[in-house]
Amino acid sequence: MEFKESDLLKLPFNVIGEIDYRSEYPSLKDIPEFKEEVTSKLPVDFDPLFKYFVLLYTPNTPLLNVKDFAARKNIALEISGMLRDPDLFEGREADLIYLLMIAYLRMMNSNKWAKLCVFQNSYYNLMIRLQSGKTEPGERTKDLIINIDDLGKKVDDLITDLANGDFSARITTNVLQAIEDLRRELTPEYIAQQTLEGNDPTRAWNPHAN
């Protein structure tokens, strides 16, 4: 193992022993995805799953000293007490697991999450312009395609960075879906109203921001 057990004490949530996370950290109850009425529908218990998220997806987790992501995942499974079930993260029942995973990523990576939302929203707008054939004055279609490709790569790289090297297509799909859901809520009318009230409208991209 390429880290010390004492390094785990530096994580934002305790991962040593059995923990009732919502009792030990009551603020978790304020996060919609972590409420008991949601987690009761999980195919696994919430507490070992949350511990798995903490170990694998916290920025600067000591598990990052293990270079191979698959190896890190196995260590996180072992420490958290999660079942080594290859089907656990696949199929329809896994959708709820990914919903909670995205909530944890959003909670832990607020700045990266906001940046990712901006990039993805810009990517979406460029795609609309390309599809409609409407370009800015002096803008060539070729340049627009190059910008789209470049922005798409930035989005992919940022998702991988956000998820500490998790390259799975399921992660990417769920992250982008979460951003799309938020994008639809972040209407121009909402932005204007929040700005007039002196609020930061981008906080909608990170509903768990302090």
N, C-alpha and C. Protein backbone atom coordinates (compact mmCIF):
# COMPACT_ATOMS: atom_id res chain seq x y z
N MET A 1 0.85 -1.19 0.00
CA MET A 1 0.00 0.00 0.00
C MET A 1 0.89 1.24 0.00
N GLU A 2 0.63 2.19 -0.87
CA GLU A 2 1.52 3.32 -1.08
C GLU A 2 1.11 4.55 -0.28
N PHE A 3 0.46 4.34 0.86
CA PHE A 3 0.13 5.44 1.77
C PHE A 3 -0.04 4.85 3.16
N LYS A 4 0.05 5.72 4.16
CA LYS A 4 -0.10 5.27 5.54
C LYS A 4 -1.56 5.41 5.97
N GLU A 5 -1.97 4.56 6.90
CA GLU A 5 -3.34 4.65 7.40
C GLU A 5 -3.58 6.00 8.05
N SER A 6 -2.52 6.57 8.65
CA SER A 6 -2.67 7.88 9.28
C SER A 6 -3.01 8.97 8.27
N ASP A 7 -2.66 8.73 6.99
CA ASP A 7 -3.00 9.70 5.95
C ASP A 7 -4.50 9.81 5.77
N LEU A 8 -5.22 8.74 6.10
CA LEU A 8 -6.67 8.75 5.93
C LEU A 8 -7.34 9.72 6.89
N LEU A 9 -6.64 10.08 7.97
CA LEU A 9 -7.20 11.02 8.95
C LEU A 9 -7.29 12.43 8.37
N LYS A 10 -6.61 12.67 7.26
CA LYS A 10 -6.62 14.00 6.64
C LYS A 10 -7.85 14.20 5.75
N LEU A 11 -8.60 13.15 5.51
CA LEU A 11 -9.79 13.25 4.67
C LEU A 11 -10.87 14.06 5.39
N PRO A 12 -11.78 14.69 4.63
CA PRO A 12 -12.80 15.54 5.26
C PRO A 12 -13.85 14.78 6.07
N PHE A 13 -13.94 13.47 5.84
CA PHE A 13 -14.87 12.64 6.59
C PHE A 13 -14.10 11.43 7.13
N ASN A 14 -14.45 11.01 8.34
CA ASN A 14 -13.82 9.85 8.95
C ASN A 14 -14.09 8.59 8.13
N VAL A 15 -13.06 7.80 7.88
CA VAL A 15 -13.24 6.55 7.13
C VAL A 15 -12.72 5.36 7.93
N ILE A 16 -12.39 5.58 9.21
CA ILE A 16 -11.86 4.51 10.05
C ILE A 16 -13.00 3.89 10.86
N GLY A 17 -13.22 2.61 10.70
CA GLY A 17 -14.26 1.92 11.43
C GLY A 17 -15.64 2.13 10.83
N GLU A 18 -16.65 1.70 11.56
CA GLU A 18 -18.03 1.85 11.08
C GLU A 18 -18.56 3.22 11.50
N ILE A 19 -19.11 3.95 10.55
CA ILE A 19 -19.59 5.31 10.81
C ILE A 19 -21.02 5.46 10.31
N ASP A 20 -21.84 6.06 11.14
CA ASP A 20 -23.17 6.49 10.70
C ASP A 20 -22.99 7.94 10.25
N TYR A 21 -22.77 8.12 8.95
CA TYR A 21 -22.34 9.42 8.45
C TYR A 21 -23.35 10.54 8.70
N ARG A 22 -24.60 10.26 8.56
CA ARG A 22 -25.59 11.33 8.74
C ARG A 22 -25.75 11.71 10.21
N SER A 23 -25.40 10.81 11.11
CA SER A 23 -25.41 11.16 12.54
C SER A 23 -24.15 11.92 12.92
N GLU A 24 -23.01 11.46 12.37
CA GLU A 24 -21.74 12.11 12.70
C GLU A 24 -21.56 13.44 11.97
N TYR A 25 -22.17 13.55 10.80
CA TYR A 25 -22.07 14.79 10.01
C TYR A 25 -23.50 15.20 9.60
N PRO A 26 -24.23 15.83 10.51
CA PRO A 26 -25.64 16.15 10.26
C PRO A 26 -25.89 17.01 9.03
N SER A 27 -24.89 17.79 8.61
CA SER A 27 -25.08 18.65 7.43
C SER A 27 -25.34 17.84 6.16
N LEU A 28 -24.95 16.56 6.16
CA LEU A 28 -25.21 15.71 4.99
C LEU A 28 -26.70 15.54 4.75
N LYS A 29 -27.48 15.68 5.81
CA LYS A 29 -28.93 15.53 5.68
C LYS A 29 -29.55 16.67 4.86
N ASP A 30 -28.79 17.76 4.71
CA ASP A 30 -29.29 18.91 3.93
C ASP A 30 -29.13 18.72 2.44
N ILE A 31 -28.36 17.70 2.05
CA ILE A 31 -28.12 17.43 0.63
C ILE A 31 -29.20 16.48 0.13
N PRO A 32 -30.00 16.90 -0.84
CA PRO A 32 -31.17 16.10 -1.27
C PRO A 32 -30.84 14.65 -1.59
N GLU A 33 -29.71 14.42 -2.28
CA GLU A 33 -29.37 13.06 -2.70
C GLU A 33 -29.00 12.16 -1.52
N PHE A 34 -28.64 12.76 -0.38
CA PHE A 34 -28.20 11.98 0.76
C PHE A 34 -29.30 11.79 1.82
N LYS A 35 -30.48 12.25 1.52
CA LYS A 35 -31.59 12.08 2.46
C LYS A 35 -32.00 10.61 2.51
N GLU A 36 -32.50 10.20 3.67
CA GLU A 36 -32.79 8.79 3.89
C GLU A 36 -33.85 8.25 2.94
N GLU A 37 -34.82 9.10 2.57
CA GLU A 37 -35.87 8.61 1.67
C GLU A 37 -35.31 8.28 0.29
N VAL A 38 -34.17 8.87 -0.04
CA VAL A 38 -33.50 8.56 -1.31
C VAL A 38 -32.59 7.35 -1.15
N THR A 39 -31.74 7.39 -0.13
CA THR A 39 -30.73 6.34 0.04
C THR A 39 -31.34 4.99 0.42
N SER A 40 -32.56 5.01 0.94
CA SER A 40 -33.22 3.74 1.29
C SER A 40 -33.50 2.90 0.05
N LYS A 41 -33.45 3.51 -1.12
CA LYS A 41 -33.73 2.80 -2.37
C LYS A 41 -32.45 2.27 -3.03
N LEU A 42 -31.31 2.54 -2.39
CA LEU A 42 -30.04 2.07 -2.95
C LEU A 42 -29.95 0.54 -2.90
N PRO A 43 -29.21 -0.06 -3.85
CA PRO A 43 -29.01 -1.51 -3.80
C PRO A 43 -27.96 -1.91 -2.77
N VAL A 44 -27.31 -0.92 -2.13
CA VAL A 44 -26.31 -1.16 -1.08
C VAL A 44 -26.58 -0.20 0.07
N ASP A 45 -25.94 -0.43 1.23
CA ASP A 45 -26.09 0.47 2.36
C ASP A 45 -25.40 1.80 2.07
N PHE A 46 -25.99 2.87 2.59
CA PHE A 46 -25.47 4.21 2.30
C PHE A 46 -24.08 4.42 2.90
N ASP A 47 -23.86 4.02 4.16
CA ASP A 47 -22.62 4.39 4.85
C ASP A 47 -21.36 3.82 4.20
N PRO A 48 -21.30 2.53 3.86
CA PRO A 48 -20.09 2.06 3.15
C PRO A 48 -19.95 2.68 1.76
N LEU A 49 -21.08 2.98 1.11
CA LEU A 49 -21.01 3.63 -0.20
C LEU A 49 -20.43 5.03 -0.08
N PHE A 50 -20.89 5.77 0.93
CA PHE A 50 -20.37 7.13 1.14
C PHE A 50 -18.88 7.08 1.47
N LYS A 51 -18.48 6.11 2.30
CA LYS A 51 -17.06 5.96 2.63
C LYS A 51 -16.24 5.69 1.37
N TYR A 52 -16.80 4.89 0.47
CA TYR A 52 -16.15 4.59 -0.81
C TYR A 52 -15.95 5.87 -1.63
N PHE A 53 -16.98 6.72 -1.66
CA PHE A 53 -16.87 8.00 -2.37
C PHE A 53 -15.77 8.86 -1.75
N VAL A 54 -15.75 8.93 -0.43
CA VAL A 54 -14.75 9.75 0.27
C VAL A 54 -13.35 9.28 -0.09
N LEU A 55 -13.14 7.99 -0.06
CA LEU A 55 -11.81 7.44 -0.33
C LEU A 55 -11.37 7.64 -1.77
N LEU A 56 -12.30 7.49 -2.70
CA LEU A 56 -11.93 7.46 -4.12
C LEU A 56 -12.02 8.82 -4.79
N TYR A 57 -12.97 9.66 -4.37
CA TYR A 57 -13.26 10.87 -5.14
C TYR A 57 -12.96 12.19 -4.43
N THR A 58 -12.45 12.13 -3.21
CA THR A 58 -12.07 13.37 -2.53
C THR A 58 -10.81 13.94 -3.19
N PRO A 59 -10.78 15.24 -3.48
CA PRO A 59 -9.55 15.83 -4.03
C PRO A 59 -8.38 15.57 -3.06
N ASN A 60 -7.26 15.19 -3.61
CA ASN A 60 -6.04 14.93 -2.84
C ASN A 60 -6.19 13.76 -1.85
N THR A 61 -7.10 12.83 -2.13
CA THR A 61 -7.18 11.63 -1.30
C THR A 61 -5.83 10.92 -1.31
N PRO A 62 -5.41 10.37 -0.19
CA PRO A 62 -4.11 9.67 -0.18
C PRO A 62 -4.06 8.49 -1.14
N LEU A 63 -5.21 8.00 -1.57
CA LEU A 63 -5.21 6.90 -2.53
C LEU A 63 -4.63 7.33 -3.88
N LEU A 64 -4.53 8.64 -4.11
CA LEU A 64 -3.93 9.10 -5.37
C LEU A 64 -2.46 8.74 -5.46
N ASN A 65 -1.85 8.37 -4.32
CA ASN A 65 -0.47 7.88 -4.36
C ASN A 65 -0.37 6.55 -5.09
N VAL A 66 -1.50 5.87 -5.21
CA VAL A 66 -1.57 4.63 -6.00
C VAL A 66 -1.91 5.06 -7.43
N LYS A 67 -1.01 4.90 -8.35
CA LYS A 67 -1.14 5.50 -9.68
C LYS A 67 -2.25 4.88 -10.53
N ASP A 68 -2.48 3.61 -10.39
CA ASP A 68 -3.47 2.93 -11.22
C ASP A 68 -4.87 3.09 -10.62
N PHE A 69 -5.81 3.59 -11.44
CA PHE A 69 -7.15 3.84 -10.91
C PHE A 69 -7.84 2.56 -10.48
N ALA A 70 -7.69 1.49 -11.25
CA ALA A 70 -8.33 0.22 -10.89
C ALA A 70 -7.84 -0.26 -9.53
N ALA A 71 -6.56 -0.08 -9.27
CA ALA A 71 -5.99 -0.47 -7.97
C ALA A 71 -6.56 0.41 -6.86
N ARG A 72 -6.66 1.71 -7.14
CA ARG A 72 -7.25 2.62 -6.15
C ARG A 72 -8.69 2.22 -5.83
N LYS A 73 -9.42 1.87 -6.86
CA LYS A 73 -10.82 1.48 -6.68
C LYS A 73 -10.92 0.23 -5.79
N ASN A 74 -10.05 -0.75 -6.02
CA ASN A 74 -10.06 -1.97 -5.22
C ASN A 74 -9.73 -1.68 -3.76
N ILE A 75 -8.78 -0.75 -3.53
CA ILE A 75 -8.44 -0.38 -2.16
C ILE A 75 -9.62 0.31 -1.49
N ALA A 76 -10.28 1.20 -2.23
CA ALA A 76 -11.45 1.90 -1.68
C ALA A 76 -12.57 0.92 -1.35
N LEU A 77 -12.76 -0.07 -2.21
CA LEU A 77 -13.77 -1.10 -1.95
C LEU A 77 -13.43 -1.88 -0.68
N GLU A 78 -12.16 -2.21 -0.54
CA GLU A 78 -11.72 -3.01 0.62
C GLU A 78 -11.89 -2.22 1.92
N ILE A 79 -11.43 -0.98 1.95
CA ILE A 79 -11.50 -0.18 3.17
C ILE A 79 -12.94 0.14 3.54
N SER A 80 -13.75 0.42 2.53
CA SER A 80 -15.14 0.81 2.80
C SER A 80 -16.04 -0.37 3.16
N GLY A 81 -15.58 -1.58 2.84
CA GLY A 81 -16.40 -2.76 3.10
C GLY A 81 -17.46 -3.00 2.05
N MET A 82 -17.30 -2.34 0.90
CA MET A 82 -18.25 -2.54 -0.19
C MET A 82 -18.05 -3.91 -0.82
N LEU A 83 -19.12 -4.48 -1.34
CA LEU A 83 -19.03 -5.77 -2.02
C LEU A 83 -18.25 -5.62 -3.32
N ARG A 84 -17.43 -6.61 -3.64
CA ARG A 84 -16.71 -6.60 -4.91
C ARG A 84 -17.59 -7.24 -5.98
N ASP A 85 -18.68 -6.59 -6.25
CA ASP A 85 -19.66 -7.08 -7.21
C ASP A 85 -19.46 -6.34 -8.53
N PRO A 86 -19.02 -7.03 -9.59
CA PRO A 86 -18.77 -6.33 -10.86
C PRO A 86 -20.02 -5.70 -11.46
N ASP A 87 -21.20 -6.20 -11.05
CA ASP A 87 -22.44 -5.66 -11.60
C ASP A 87 -23.00 -4.50 -10.78
N LEU A 88 -22.33 -4.18 -9.65
CA LEU A 88 -22.86 -3.16 -8.75
C LEU A 88 -22.99 -1.80 -9.41
N PHE A 89 -22.04 -1.46 -10.27
CA PHE A 89 -22.03 -0.14 -10.90
C PHE A 89 -22.55 -0.19 -12.33
N GLU A 90 -23.29 -1.22 -12.65
CA GLU A 90 -23.88 -1.35 -13.97
C GLU A 90 -25.39 -1.58 -13.82
N GLY A 91 -26.12 -1.46 -14.92
CA GLY A 91 -27.54 -1.74 -14.89
C GLY A 91 -28.37 -0.63 -14.30
N ARG A 92 -29.67 -0.81 -14.32
CA ARG A 92 -30.60 0.24 -13.91
C ARG A 92 -30.49 0.56 -12.43
N GLU A 93 -30.24 -0.45 -11.59
CA GLU A 93 -30.15 -0.22 -10.15
C GLU A 93 -28.96 0.68 -9.80
N ALA A 94 -27.97 0.73 -10.68
CA ALA A 94 -26.78 1.55 -10.41
C ALA A 94 -27.04 3.03 -10.63
N ASP A 95 -28.13 3.40 -11.29
CA ASP A 95 -28.39 4.81 -11.58
C ASP A 95 -28.39 5.65 -10.32
N LEU A 96 -28.97 5.13 -9.25
CA LEU A 96 -29.04 5.88 -8.01
C LEU A 96 -27.66 6.03 -7.37
N ILE A 97 -26.83 5.02 -7.52
CA ILE A 97 -25.45 5.12 -7.01
C ILE A 97 -24.73 6.28 -7.70
N TYR A 98 -24.91 6.39 -9.01
CA TYR A 98 -24.24 7.46 -9.75
C TYR A 98 -24.83 8.82 -9.40
N LEU A 99 -26.11 8.87 -9.09
CA LEU A 99 -26.72 10.12 -8.65
C LEU A 99 -26.04 10.63 -7.38
N LEU A 100 -25.81 9.74 -6.43
CA LEU A 100 -25.13 10.11 -5.19
C LEU A 100 -23.66 10.42 -5.44
N MET A 101 -23.04 9.70 -6.35
CA MET A 101 -21.64 9.94 -6.68
C MET A 101 -21.46 11.35 -7.24
N ILE A 102 -22.34 11.76 -8.14
CA ILE A 102 -22.27 13.11 -8.72
C ILE A 102 -22.48 14.16 -7.64
N ALA A 103 -23.38 13.89 -6.70
CA ALA A 103 -23.61 14.83 -5.59
C ALA A 103 -22.33 15.00 -4.77
N TYR A 104 -21.61 13.91 -4.56
CA TYR A 104 -20.36 14.01 -3.79
C TYR A 104 -19.30 14.78 -4.58
N LEU A 105 -19.18 14.49 -5.87
CA LEU A 105 -18.22 15.22 -6.71
C LEU A 105 -18.52 16.71 -6.68
N ARG A 106 -19.80 17.05 -6.78
CA ARG A 106 -20.21 18.45 -6.79
C ARG A 106 -19.89 19.12 -5.46
N MET A 107 -20.09 18.39 -4.38
CA MET A 107 -19.85 18.92 -3.05
C MET A 107 -18.36 19.15 -2.79
N MET A 108 -17.53 18.25 -3.29
CA MET A 108 -16.10 18.31 -3.01
C MET A 108 -15.32 19.19 -3.98
N ASN A 109 -15.84 19.41 -5.16
CA ASN A 109 -15.08 20.11 -6.21
C ASN A 109 -15.85 21.32 -6.74
N SER A 110 -16.27 22.22 -5.86
CA SER A 110 -17.16 23.29 -6.27
C SER A 110 -16.57 24.15 -7.38
N ASN A 111 -15.27 24.50 -7.28
CA ASN A 111 -14.66 25.36 -8.30
C ASN A 111 -14.54 24.63 -9.64
N LYS A 112 -14.10 23.39 -9.59
CA LYS A 112 -13.97 22.61 -10.83
C LYS A 112 -15.36 22.36 -11.43
N TRP A 113 -16.33 22.13 -10.54
CA TRP A 113 -17.69 21.87 -11.02
C TRP A 113 -18.23 23.09 -11.76
N ALA A 114 -18.04 24.28 -11.18
CA ALA A 114 -18.52 25.51 -11.82
C ALA A 114 -17.82 25.73 -13.16
N LYS A 115 -16.51 25.47 -13.19
CA LYS A 115 -15.74 25.62 -14.43
C LYS A 115 -16.24 24.64 -15.48
N LEU A 116 -16.50 23.41 -15.07
CA LEU A 116 -17.00 22.40 -15.99
C LEU A 116 -18.35 22.82 -16.56
N CYS A 117 -19.21 23.39 -15.72
CA CYS A 117 -20.52 23.84 -16.19
C CYS A 117 -20.38 24.94 -17.24
N VAL A 118 -19.45 25.87 -17.01
CA VAL A 118 -19.22 26.95 -17.98
C VAL A 118 -18.74 26.37 -19.30
N PHE A 119 -17.76 25.46 -19.24
CA PHE A 119 -17.22 24.85 -20.46
C PHE A 119 -18.31 24.09 -21.23
N GLN A 120 -19.09 23.29 -20.50
CA GLN A 120 -20.10 22.49 -21.16
C GLN A 120 -21.20 23.36 -21.75
N ASN A 121 -21.55 24.44 -21.07
CA ASN A 121 -22.57 25.35 -21.59
C ASN A 121 -22.07 26.03 -22.87
N SER A 122 -20.80 26.43 -22.88
CA SER A 122 -20.21 27.04 -24.07
C SER A 122 -20.14 26.04 -25.21
N TYR A 123 -19.79 24.81 -24.89
CA TYR A 123 -19.75 23.73 -25.90
C TYR A 123 -21.13 23.54 -26.52
N TYR A 124 -22.15 23.52 -25.68
CA TYR A 124 -23.53 23.37 -26.16
C TYR A 124 -23.91 24.52 -27.10
N ASN A 125 -23.57 25.73 -26.71
CA ASN A 125 -23.92 26.90 -27.53
C ASN A 125 -23.19 26.89 -28.87
N LEU A 126 -21.92 26.47 -28.87
CA LEU A 126 -21.16 26.39 -30.13
C LEU A 126 -21.77 25.32 -31.04
N MET A 127 -22.19 24.22 -30.47
CA MET A 127 -22.82 23.16 -31.27
C MET A 127 -24.11 23.66 -31.92
N ILE A 128 -24.88 24.45 -31.20
CA ILE A 128 -26.11 25.01 -31.75
C ILE A 128 -25.80 25.92 -32.92
N ARG A 129 -24.76 26.74 -32.77
CA ARG A 129 -24.37 27.66 -33.85
C ARG A 129 -23.92 26.89 -35.08
N LEU A 130 -23.15 25.83 -34.87
CA LEU A 130 -22.68 25.03 -36.00
C LEU A 130 -23.85 24.35 -36.71
N GLN A 131 -24.77 23.82 -35.93
CA GLN A 131 -25.91 23.11 -36.51
C GLN A 131 -26.83 24.06 -37.28
N SER A 132 -26.99 25.27 -36.77
CA SER A 132 -27.89 26.23 -37.40
C SER A 132 -27.25 26.96 -38.57
N GLY A 133 -25.91 26.87 -38.65
CA GLY A 133 -25.20 27.56 -39.72
C GLY A 133 -24.98 29.03 -39.43
N LYS A 134 -25.29 29.45 -38.21
CA LYS A 134 -25.12 30.86 -37.84
C LYS A 134 -23.76 31.04 -37.17
N THR A 135 -22.91 31.85 -37.80
CA THR A 135 -21.59 32.12 -37.25
C THR A 135 -21.46 33.60 -36.97
N GLU A 136 -20.49 33.94 -36.12
CA GLU A 136 -20.22 35.35 -35.82
C GLU A 136 -19.50 35.98 -37.02
N PRO A 137 -19.59 37.34 -37.16
CA PRO A 137 -18.90 38.01 -38.26
C PRO A 137 -17.41 37.67 -38.28
N GLY A 138 -16.93 37.23 -39.42
CA GLY A 138 -15.52 36.88 -39.57
C GLY A 138 -15.16 35.49 -39.08
N GLU A 139 -16.14 34.75 -38.60
CA GLU A 139 -15.88 33.41 -38.08
C GLU A 139 -16.10 32.37 -39.17
N ARG A 140 -15.14 31.49 -39.36
CA ARG A 140 -15.26 30.44 -40.36
C ARG A 140 -15.77 29.16 -39.70
N THR A 141 -16.51 28.38 -40.48
CA THR A 141 -17.03 27.12 -39.96
C THR A 141 -15.90 26.22 -39.47
N LYS A 142 -14.79 26.24 -40.21
CA LYS A 142 -13.64 25.43 -39.82
C LYS A 142 -13.14 25.82 -38.44
N ASP A 143 -13.07 27.12 -38.18
CA ASP A 143 -12.60 27.60 -36.87
C ASP A 143 -13.59 27.20 -35.78
N LEU A 144 -14.87 27.24 -36.10
CA LEU A 144 -15.89 26.87 -35.14
C LEU A 144 -15.75 25.40 -34.75
N ILE A 145 -15.50 24.55 -35.74
CA ILE A 145 -15.31 23.12 -35.48
C ILE A 145 -14.08 22.88 -34.61
N ILE A 146 -12.99 23.62 -34.89
CA ILE A 146 -11.77 23.50 -34.09
C ILE A 146 -12.04 23.90 -32.64
N ASN A 147 -12.79 24.99 -32.46
CA ASN A 147 -13.12 25.45 -31.11
C ASN A 147 -13.99 24.43 -30.37
N ILE A 148 -14.92 23.82 -31.10
CA ILE A 148 -15.78 22.80 -30.49
C ILE A 148 -14.96 21.59 -30.05
N ASP A 149 -14.07 21.14 -30.93
CA ASP A 149 -13.22 19.99 -30.60
C ASP A 149 -12.34 20.30 -29.38
N ASP A 150 -11.77 21.51 -29.36
CA ASP A 150 -10.90 21.90 -28.26
C ASP A 150 -11.67 21.98 -26.94
N LEU A 151 -12.86 22.56 -27.00
CA LEU A 151 -13.68 22.68 -25.80
C LEU A 151 -14.17 21.32 -25.32
N GLY A 152 -14.51 20.43 -26.28
CA GLY A 152 -14.93 19.08 -25.92
C GLY A 152 -13.83 18.33 -25.19
N LYS A 153 -12.59 18.51 -25.65
CA LYS A 153 -11.46 17.85 -24.99
C LYS A 153 -11.28 18.41 -23.58
N LYS A 154 -11.44 19.73 -23.44
CA LYS A 154 -11.31 20.35 -22.12
C LYS A 154 -12.38 19.80 -21.16
N VAL A 155 -13.59 19.62 -21.68
CA VAL A 155 -14.67 19.06 -20.86
C VAL A 155 -14.32 17.64 -20.42
N ASP A 156 -13.86 16.81 -21.35
CA ASP A 156 -13.50 15.43 -21.03
C ASP A 156 -12.37 15.38 -20.00
N ASP A 157 -11.35 16.22 -20.20
CA ASP A 157 -10.21 16.24 -19.28
C ASP A 157 -10.64 16.70 -17.89
N LEU A 158 -11.54 17.67 -17.84
CA LEU A 158 -11.97 18.20 -16.55
C LEU A 158 -12.83 17.19 -15.80
N ILE A 159 -13.66 16.44 -16.54
CA ILE A 159 -14.46 15.38 -15.90
C ILE A 159 -13.54 14.33 -15.29
N THR A 160 -12.51 13.92 -16.03
CA THR A 160 -11.56 12.94 -15.52
C THR A 160 -10.83 13.48 -14.30
N ASP A 161 -10.45 14.76 -14.35
CA ASP A 161 -9.78 15.39 -13.22
C ASP A 161 -10.71 15.46 -12.02
N LEU A 162 -11.96 15.82 -12.28
CA LEU A 162 -12.97 15.93 -11.23
C LEU A 162 -13.17 14.60 -10.51
N ALA A 163 -13.11 13.52 -11.29
CA ALA A 163 -13.35 12.17 -10.75
C ALA A 163 -12.06 11.44 -10.40
N ASN A 164 -10.97 12.20 -10.22
CA ASN A 164 -9.70 11.61 -9.80
C ASN A 164 -9.23 10.47 -10.70
N GLY A 165 -9.40 10.65 -12.00
CA GLY A 165 -8.88 9.68 -12.95
C GLY A 165 -9.84 8.58 -13.34
N ASP A 166 -11.10 8.68 -12.91
CA ASP A 166 -12.09 7.67 -13.30
C ASP A 166 -12.50 7.95 -14.75
N PHE A 167 -12.12 7.05 -15.66
CA PHE A 167 -12.36 7.25 -17.08
C PHE A 167 -13.67 6.62 -17.55
N SER A 168 -14.46 6.05 -16.65
CA SER A 168 -15.62 5.27 -17.08
C SER A 168 -16.64 6.13 -17.82
N ALA A 169 -17.22 5.54 -18.86
CA ALA A 169 -18.23 6.25 -19.65
C ALA A 169 -19.44 6.59 -18.80
N ARG A 170 -19.72 5.74 -17.81
CA ARG A 170 -20.89 5.97 -16.95
C ARG A 170 -20.73 7.25 -16.14
N ILE A 171 -19.51 7.51 -15.66
CA ILE A 171 -19.24 8.75 -14.93
C ILE A 171 -19.49 9.95 -15.83
N THR A 172 -18.90 9.90 -17.04
CA THR A 172 -19.04 11.01 -17.98
C THR A 172 -20.51 11.28 -18.30
N THR A 173 -21.25 10.23 -18.59
CA THR A 173 -22.67 10.38 -18.93
C THR A 173 -23.45 11.03 -17.81
N ASN A 174 -23.22 10.60 -16.59
CA ASN A 174 -23.98 11.12 -15.45
C ASN A 174 -23.57 12.54 -15.08
N VAL A 175 -22.28 12.85 -15.21
CA VAL A 175 -21.84 14.23 -14.96
C VAL A 175 -22.48 15.18 -15.97
N LEU A 176 -22.43 14.81 -17.24
CA LEU A 176 -22.99 15.68 -18.28
C LEU A 176 -24.51 15.82 -18.14
N GLN A 177 -25.18 14.74 -17.74
CA GLN A 177 -26.62 14.82 -17.53
C GLN A 177 -26.95 15.76 -16.38
N ALA A 178 -26.16 15.69 -15.31
CA ALA A 178 -26.38 16.59 -14.17
C ALA A 178 -26.19 18.04 -14.57
N ILE A 179 -25.18 18.30 -15.40
CA ILE A 179 -24.94 19.66 -15.87
C ILE A 179 -26.06 20.12 -16.79
N GLU A 180 -26.53 19.24 -17.65
CA GLU A 180 -27.62 19.60 -18.56
C GLU A 180 -28.89 19.93 -17.77
N ASP A 181 -29.16 19.17 -16.72
CA ASP A 181 -30.33 19.46 -15.90
C ASP A 181 -30.23 20.85 -15.27
N LEU A 182 -29.02 21.18 -14.80
CA LEU A 182 -28.81 22.50 -14.20
C LEU A 182 -28.86 23.59 -15.25
N ARG A 183 -28.33 23.31 -16.45
CA ARG A 183 -28.33 24.31 -17.52
C ARG A 183 -29.75 24.73 -17.88
N ARG A 184 -30.66 23.76 -17.89
CA ARG A 184 -32.04 24.07 -18.22
C ARG A 184 -32.69 24.96 -17.16
N GLU A 185 -32.23 24.79 -15.91
CA GLU A 185 -32.76 25.62 -14.84
C GLU A 185 -32.17 27.01 -14.86
N LEU A 186 -30.95 27.14 -15.39
CA LEU A 186 -30.24 28.42 -15.37
C LEU A 186 -30.63 29.24 -16.59
N THR A 187 -31.87 29.72 -16.60
CA THR A 187 -32.40 30.48 -17.73
C THR A 187 -31.89 31.91 -17.69
N PRO A 188 -31.93 32.63 -18.83
CA PRO A 188 -31.53 34.04 -18.82
C PRO A 188 -32.35 34.86 -17.83
N GLU A 189 -33.64 34.52 -17.68
CA GLU A 189 -34.50 35.24 -16.75
C GLU A 189 -34.01 35.05 -15.31
N TYR A 190 -33.61 33.81 -15.01
CA TYR A 190 -33.12 33.52 -13.66
C TYR A 190 -31.82 34.29 -13.40
N ILE A 191 -30.90 34.26 -14.39
CA ILE A 191 -29.62 34.96 -14.24
C ILE A 191 -29.85 36.45 -14.00
N ALA A 192 -30.76 37.05 -14.80
CA ALA A 192 -31.04 38.48 -14.67
C ALA A 192 -31.61 38.80 -13.29
N GLN A 193 -32.56 37.97 -12.84
CA GLN A 193 -33.19 38.21 -11.54
C GLN A 193 -32.18 38.10 -10.40
N GLN A 194 -31.32 37.08 -10.45
CA GLN A 194 -30.32 36.89 -9.40
C GLN A 194 -29.31 38.03 -9.39
N THR A 195 -28.95 38.49 -10.58
CA THR A 195 -28.00 39.60 -10.68
C THR A 195 -28.60 40.88 -10.09
N LEU A 196 -29.88 41.14 -10.42
CA LEU A 196 -30.55 42.33 -9.88
C LEU A 196 -30.64 42.29 -8.36
N GLU A 197 -30.76 41.09 -7.81
CA GLU A 197 -30.86 40.95 -6.36
C GLU A 197 -29.50 40.90 -5.68
N GLY A 198 -28.45 41.05 -6.49
CA GLY A 198 -27.10 41.07 -5.93
C GLY A 198 -26.56 39.70 -5.59
N ASN A 199 -27.15 38.65 -6.16
CA ASN A 199 -26.70 37.28 -5.91
C ASN A 199 -25.82 36.78 -7.04
N ASP A 200 -25.11 35.70 -6.78
CA ASP A 200 -24.27 35.07 -7.81
C ASP A 200 -25.08 33.96 -8.47
N PRO A 201 -25.53 34.15 -9.71
CA PRO A 201 -26.36 33.12 -10.36
C PRO A 201 -25.64 31.81 -10.59
N THR A 202 -24.30 31.81 -10.63
CA THR A 202 -23.57 30.58 -10.89
C THR A 202 -23.62 29.63 -9.70
N ARG A 203 -24.12 30.10 -8.55
CA ARG A 203 -24.25 29.20 -7.41
C ARG A 203 -25.22 28.06 -7.72
N ALA A 204 -26.06 28.26 -8.73
CA ALA A 204 -26.97 27.17 -9.12
C ALA A 204 -26.20 25.98 -9.65
N TRP A 205 -24.96 26.22 -10.08
CA TRP A 205 -24.13 25.10 -10.56
C TRP A 205 -23.57 24.30 -9.41
N ASN A 206 -23.58 24.87 -8.22
CA ASN A 206 -23.07 24.16 -7.06
C ASN A 206 -24.03 24.39 -5.90
N PRO A 207 -25.15 23.67 -5.85
CA PRO A 207 -26.16 23.91 -4.84
C PRO A 207 -25.71 23.64 -3.42
N HIS A 208 -24.54 23.03 -3.25
CA HIS A 208 -24.06 22.75 -1.91
C HIS A 208 -22.96 23.71 -1.49
N ALA A 209 -22.80 24.81 -2.25
CA ALA A 209 -21.78 25.80 -1.90
C ALA A 209 -22.14 26.46 -0.57
N ASN A 210 -21.09 26.82 0.18
CA ASN A 210 -21.34 27.47 1.47
C ASN A 210 -21.70 28.94 1.25
